[in-house]
Amino acid sequence: MATGKYAKAISDRSGFEFPYNEMVKEWNGAFVHKSEFEAKHPQLELGIHAADQEGLMNARPDRVENSVAVILKPNPFETIAASSGIINVSEQSHGRSTGDTVRFRNVISSPGGVAFTTYENSSGFSITVTTSDKYTFTLGATPSITEESGGPTVSAGPVTLTAW
């Protein structure tokens, strides 16, 4: 076995004999002569790659929901005073604004002694908001008694309901 400048080694790539001090080790562990050396290819060095943005399958655009009628608590109408055409309406967290038009449906009893059909005006009523749970409107007829009435199935909503 020779040592120093006379030492020889066999290349793993070509099988030829070369001086030992001219041999190098490649990235894959092969012991080769410096003339046979091949650097690691850049595509083998995987970098961190963030995921590409992708659209969702079966995506649907946002839409504005149609206005719907809301069922009110039983007997939601309160006549403020006999001979006054102003009616209080109780609607929990109504979210309405003064000037909105509200149409009532399914009025069963005769609130304040006025025919229930008067409350079901197809044009609706312009309201004035008093609290987040109450608003008023002017009936256009004069109730004869002060009471809470309307029935158990009264609903309040837009003038026209649209079908889906």
C-alpha atoms as a PDB file:
ATOM      1  CA  MET A   1       0.000   0.000   0.000  1.00  0.00           C
ATOM      2  CA  ALA A   2       1.496   3.285  -1.073  1.00  0.00           C
ATOM      3  CA  THR A   3       1.297   6.472   0.965  1.00  0.00           C
ATOM      4  CA  GLY A   4       1.847  10.150   0.235  1.00  0.00           C
ATOM      5  CA  LYS A   5       2.353  11.385  -3.328  1.00  0.00           C
ATOM      6  CA  TYR A   6       2.530   7.845  -4.747  1.00  0.00           C
ATOM      7  CA  ALA A   7      -0.873   6.717  -3.404  1.00  0.00           C
ATOM      8  CA  LYS A   8      -3.403   5.685  -6.034  1.00  0.00           C
ATOM      9  CA  ALA A   9      -7.239   5.373  -6.021  1.00  0.00           C
ATOM     10  CA  ILE A  10      -9.811   3.900  -8.402  1.00  0.00           C
ATOM     11  CA  SER A  11     -12.592   6.224  -9.614  1.00  0.00           C
ATOM     12  CA  ASP A  12     -16.125   5.008  -8.868  1.00  0.00           C
ATOM     13  CA  ARG A  13     -17.306   6.600 -12.124  1.00  0.00           C
ATOM     14  CA  SER A  14     -14.774   5.489 -14.754  1.00  0.00           C
ATOM     15  CA  GLY A  15     -12.844   2.743 -12.992  1.00  0.00           C
ATOM     16  CA  PHE A  16      -9.542   4.384 -13.911  1.00  0.00           C
ATOM     17  CA  GLU A  17      -6.649   4.776 -11.525  1.00  0.00           C
ATOM     18  CA  PHE A  18      -5.797   8.340 -10.391  1.00  0.00           C
ATOM     19  CA  PRO A  19      -3.487   9.887  -7.767  1.00  0.00           C
ATOM     20  CA  TYR A  20      -5.231   9.696  -4.381  1.00  0.00           C
ATOM     21  CA  ASN A  21      -4.686  13.379  -3.557  1.00  0.00           C
ATOM     22  CA  GLU A  22      -6.680  14.378  -6.737  1.00  0.00           C
ATOM     23  CA  MET A  23      -9.796  12.411  -5.719  1.00  0.00           C
ATOM     24  CA  VAL A  24     -12.971  14.100  -4.407  1.00  0.00           C
ATOM     25  CA  LYS A  25     -16.274  12.854  -3.003  1.00  0.00           C
ATOM     26  CA  GLU A  26     -19.464  13.828  -4.877  1.00  0.00           C
ATOM     27  CA  TRP A  27     -22.843  14.741  -3.312  1.00  0.00           C
ATOM     28  CA  ASN A  28     -24.063  11.162  -3.899  1.00  0.00           C
ATOM     29  CA  GLY A  29     -21.088   9.608  -2.086  1.00  0.00           C
ATOM     30  CA  ALA A  30     -19.112   8.548  -5.213  1.00  0.00           C
ATOM     31  CA  PHE A  31     -15.311   8.834  -4.937  1.00  0.00           C
ATOM     32  CA  VAL A  32     -14.155  10.303  -8.286  1.00  0.00           C
ATOM     33  CA  HIS A  33     -11.242  12.184  -9.867  1.00  0.00           C
ATOM     34  CA  LYS A  34     -11.617  15.993  -9.906  1.00  0.00           C
ATOM     35  CA  SER A  35     -11.873  15.889 -13.724  1.00  0.00           C
ATOM     36  CA  GLU A  36     -14.952  13.625 -13.444  1.00  0.00           C
ATOM     37  CA  PHE A  37     -16.679  15.620 -10.684  1.00  0.00           C
ATOM     38  CA  GLU A  38     -20.302  16.554 -11.310  1.00  0.00           C
ATOM     39  CA  ALA A  39     -22.076  19.032  -9.039  1.00  0.00           C
ATOM     40  CA  LYS A  40     -25.546  18.331  -7.759  1.00  0.00           C
ATOM     41  CA  HIS A  41     -28.169  19.510 -10.239  1.00  0.00           C
ATOM     42  CA  PRO A  42     -30.150  22.589  -9.009  1.00  0.00           C
ATOM     43  CA  GLN A  43     -33.495  20.865  -9.632  1.00  0.00           C
ATOM     44  CA  LEU A  44     -32.562  18.278  -7.010  1.00  0.00           C
ATOM     45  CA  GLU A  45     -32.414  21.065  -4.420  1.00  0.00           C
ATOM     46  CA  LEU A  46     -36.100  21.451  -3.639  1.00  0.00           C
ATOM     47  CA  GLY A  47     -37.001  24.830  -2.263  1.00  0.00           C
ATOM     48  CA  ILE A  48     -40.074  25.637  -0.261  1.00  0.00           C
ATOM     49  CA  HIS A  49     -42.974  26.166  -2.625  1.00  0.00           C
ATOM     50  CA  ALA A  50     -46.174  27.752  -1.402  1.00  0.00           C
ATOM     51  CA  ALA A  51     -49.413  26.311  -2.692  1.00  0.00           C
ATOM     52  CA  ASP A  52     -50.976  27.931  -5.723  1.00  0.00           C
ATOM     53  CA  GLN A  53     -54.220  29.785  -5.269  1.00  0.00           C
ATOM     54  CA  GLU A  54     -57.140  27.733  -6.453  1.00  0.00           C
ATOM     55  CA  GLY A  55     -60.801  28.446  -6.911  1.00  0.00           C
ATOM     56  CA  LEU A  56     -63.349  26.544  -4.864  1.00  0.00           C
ATOM     57  CA  MET A  57     -65.329  23.813  -6.533  1.00  0.00           C
ATOM     58  CA  ASN A  58     -68.996  24.688  -7.055  1.00  0.00           C
ATOM     59  CA  ALA A  59     -68.511  28.254  -5.807  1.00  0.00           C
ATOM     60  CA  ARG A  60     -71.596  30.443  -5.760  1.00  0.00           C
ATOM     61  CA  PRO A  61     -71.564  34.248  -5.663  1.00  0.00           C
ATOM     62  CA  ASP A  62     -73.005  36.164  -2.755  1.00  0.00           C
ATOM     63  CA  ARG A  63     -76.586  37.236  -3.147  1.00  0.00           C
ATOM     64  CA  VAL A  64     -79.000  39.562  -1.452  1.00  0.00           C
ATOM     65  CA  GLU A  65     -81.769  37.669   0.242  1.00  0.00           C
ATOM     66  CA  ASN A  66     -85.348  38.589  -0.560  1.00  0.00           C
ATOM     67  CA  SER A  67     -87.322  40.418   2.081  1.00  0.00           C
ATOM     68  CA  VAL A  68     -89.629  38.122   3.999  1.00  0.00           C
ATOM     69  CA  ALA A  69     -92.555  38.572   6.321  1.00  0.00           C
ATOM     70  CA  VAL A  70     -91.817  38.175  10.041  1.00  0.00           C
ATOM     71  CA  ILE A  71     -94.352  36.602  12.384  1.00  0.00           C
ATOM     72  CA  LEU A  72     -95.020  38.968  15.272  1.00  0.00           C
ATOM     73  CA  LYS A  73     -95.790  38.102  18.880  1.00  0.00           C
ATOM     74  CA  PRO A  74     -99.493  37.478  19.620  1.00  0.00           C
ATOM     75  CA  ASN A  75    -101.597  40.658  19.641  1.00  0.00           C
ATOM     76  CA  PRO A  76     -98.826  42.987  18.472  1.00  0.00           C
ATOM     77  CA  PHE A  77    -101.035  46.053  17.932  1.00  0.00           C
ATOM     78  CA  GLU A  78    -101.630  48.507  20.753  1.00  0.00           C
ATOM     79  CA  THR A  79    -104.079  51.359  20.284  1.00  0.00           C
ATOM     80  CA  ILE A  80    -102.542  54.378  22.027  1.00  0.00           C
ATOM     81  CA  ALA A  81    -105.860  56.027  22.795  1.00  0.00           C
ATOM     82  CA  ALA A  82    -109.421  55.653  21.626  1.00  0.00           C
ATOM     83  CA  SER A  83    -110.124  58.200  18.873  1.00  0.00           C
ATOM     84  CA  SER A  84    -106.432  58.282  17.871  1.00  0.00           C
ATOM     85  CA  GLY A  85    -105.363  56.684  14.607  1.00  0.00           C
ATOM     86  CA  ILE A  86    -101.812  56.018  15.866  1.00  0.00           C
ATOM     87  CA  ILE A  87    -101.052  52.343  16.480  1.00  0.00           C
ATOM     88  CA  ASN A  88     -98.007  50.933  18.335  1.00  0.00           C
ATOM     89  CA  VAL A  89     -96.551  47.700  16.944  1.00  0.00           C
ATOM     90  CA  SER A  90     -94.348  45.334  18.962  1.00  0.00           C
ATOM     91  CA  GLU A  91     -91.736  43.589  16.802  1.00  0.00           C
ATOM     92  CA  GLN A  92     -88.674  42.215  18.613  1.00  0.00           C
ATOM     93  CA  SER A  93     -85.369  43.638  17.204  1.00  0.00           C
ATOM     94  CA  HIS A  94     -87.102  44.802  14.024  1.00  0.00           C
ATOM     95  CA  GLY A  95     -84.139  46.642  12.457  1.00  0.00           C
ATOM     96  CA  ARG A  96     -86.497  48.922  10.548  1.00  0.00           C
ATOM     97  CA  SER A  97     -86.054  52.655   9.915  1.00  0.00           C
ATOM     98  CA  THR A  98     -88.457  55.559  10.101  1.00  0.00           C
ATOM     99  CA  GLY A  99     -90.142  55.945   6.724  1.00  0.00           C
ATOM    100  CA  ASP A 100     -90.036  52.226   5.853  1.00  0.00           C
ATOM    101  CA  THR A 101     -93.255  50.783   4.461  1.00  0.00           C
ATOM    102  CA  VAL A 102     -94.600  47.732   6.287  1.00  0.00           C
ATOM    103  CA  ARG A 103     -97.533  45.580   5.274  1.00  0.00           C
ATOM    104  CA  PHE A 104     -99.386  43.471   7.835  1.00  0.00           C
ATOM    105  CA  ARG A 105    -100.956  40.121   7.000  1.00  0.00           C
ATOM    106  CA  ASN A 106    -103.071  37.525   8.828  1.00  0.00           C
ATOM    107  CA  VAL A 107    -104.747  39.983  11.205  1.00  0.00           C
ATOM    108  CA  ILE A 108    -107.547  37.952  12.796  1.00  0.00           C
ATOM    109  CA  SER A 109    -109.268  40.055  15.447  1.00  0.00           C
ATOM    110  CA  SER A 110    -110.596  43.583  14.988  1.00  0.00           C
ATOM    111  CA  PRO A 111    -108.024  45.773  16.748  1.00  0.00           C
ATOM    112  CA  GLY A 112    -109.530  48.812  18.447  1.00  0.00           C
ATOM    113  CA  GLY A 113    -112.935  48.059  17.029  1.00  0.00           C
ATOM    114  CA  VAL A 114    -111.719  48.696  13.455  1.00  0.00           C
ATOM    115  CA  ALA A 115    -112.203  46.022  10.794  1.00  0.00           C
ATOM    116  CA  PHE A 116    -109.113  43.805  10.533  1.00  0.00           C
ATOM    117  CA  THR A 117    -109.014  44.363   6.758  1.00  0.00           C
ATOM    118  CA  THR A 118    -108.069  48.007   7.439  1.00  0.00           C
ATOM    119  CA  TYR A 119    -104.792  46.756   8.975  1.00  0.00           C
ATOM    120  CA  GLU A 120    -104.124  44.566   5.930  1.00  0.00           C
ATOM    121  CA  ASN A 121    -103.841  47.522   3.551  1.00  0.00           C
ATOM    122  CA  SER A 122    -102.179  46.257   0.360  1.00  0.00           C
ATOM    123  CA  SER A 123    -100.124  49.479   0.087  1.00  0.00           C
ATOM    124  CA  GLY A 124     -98.727  49.040   3.596  1.00  0.00           C
ATOM    125  CA  PHE A 125     -98.090  51.758   6.158  1.00  0.00           C
ATOM    126  CA  SER A 126     -95.228  54.207   6.599  1.00  0.00           C
ATOM    127  CA  ILE A 127     -93.756  53.676  10.064  1.00  0.00           C
ATOM    128  CA  THR A 128     -92.033  55.798  12.701  1.00  0.00           C
ATOM    129  CA  VAL A 129     -89.501  53.926  14.822  1.00  0.00           C
ATOM    130  CA  THR A 130     -89.762  54.566  18.567  1.00  0.00           C
ATOM    131  CA  THR A 131     -87.440  51.843  19.993  1.00  0.00           C
ATOM    132  CA  SER A 132     -85.543  48.829  18.674  1.00  0.00           C
ATOM    133  CA  ASP A 133     -88.596  46.704  19.542  1.00  0.00           C
ATOM    134  CA  LYS A 134     -91.470  49.087  18.663  1.00  0.00           C
ATOM    135  CA  TYR A 135     -92.676  51.405  15.930  1.00  0.00           C
ATOM    136  CA  THR A 136     -95.888  53.305  15.189  1.00  0.00           C
ATOM    137  CA  PHE A 137     -98.018  53.953  12.145  1.00  0.00           C
ATOM    138  CA  THR A 138    -101.153  55.956  11.420  1.00  0.00           C
ATOM    139  CA  LEU A 139    -104.067  53.674  10.655  1.00  0.00           C
ATOM    140  CA  GLY A 140    -106.303  56.023   8.662  1.00  0.00           C
ATOM    141  CA  ALA A 141    -109.343  54.893  10.649  1.00  0.00           C
ATOM    142  CA  THR A 142    -110.288  55.840  14.207  1.00  0.00           C
ATOM    143  CA  PRO A 143    -110.265  53.026  16.793  1.00  0.00           C
ATOM    144  CA  SER A 144    -113.057  53.169  19.315  1.00  0.00           C
ATOM    145  CA  ILE A 145    -111.319  51.379  22.210  1.00  0.00           C
ATOM    146  CA  THR A 146    -107.791  51.114  23.655  1.00  0.00           C
ATOM    147  CA  GLU A 147    -106.496  47.549  23.603  1.00  0.00           C
ATOM    148  CA  GLU A 148    -103.803  45.101  22.510  1.00  0.00           C
ATOM    149  CA  SER A 149    -105.046  42.987  19.636  1.00  0.00           C
ATOM    150  CA  GLY A 150    -104.389  41.541  16.198  1.00  0.00           C
ATOM    151  CA  GLY A 151    -104.423  37.822  16.856  1.00  0.00           C
ATOM    152  CA  PRO A 152    -101.753  35.124  17.184  1.00  0.00           C
ATOM    153  CA  THR A 153    -100.556  34.935  13.554  1.00  0.00           C
ATOM    154  CA  VAL A 154     -99.945  38.544  12.471  1.00  0.00           C
ATOM    155  CA  SER A 155     -96.925  39.018  10.206  1.00  0.00           C
ATOM    156  CA  ALA A 156     -95.115  42.183   9.139  1.00  0.00           C
ATOM    157  CA  GLY A 157     -93.090  42.462   6.004  1.00  0.00           C
ATOM    158  CA  PRO A 158     -92.593  44.169   2.680  1.00  0.00           C
ATOM    159  CA  VAL A 159     -95.495  45.293   0.535  1.00  0.00           C
ATOM    160  CA  THR A 160     -94.797  42.533  -1.984  1.00  0.00           C
ATOM    161  CA  LEU A 161     -93.325  39.138  -1.258  1.00  0.00           C
ATOM    162  CA  THR A 162     -91.168  37.609  -3.975  1.00  0.00           C
ATOM    163  CA  ALA A 163     -91.009  33.919  -4.730  1.00  0.00           C
ATOM    164  CA  TRP A 164     -87.669  32.108  -4.769  1.00  0.00           C
END
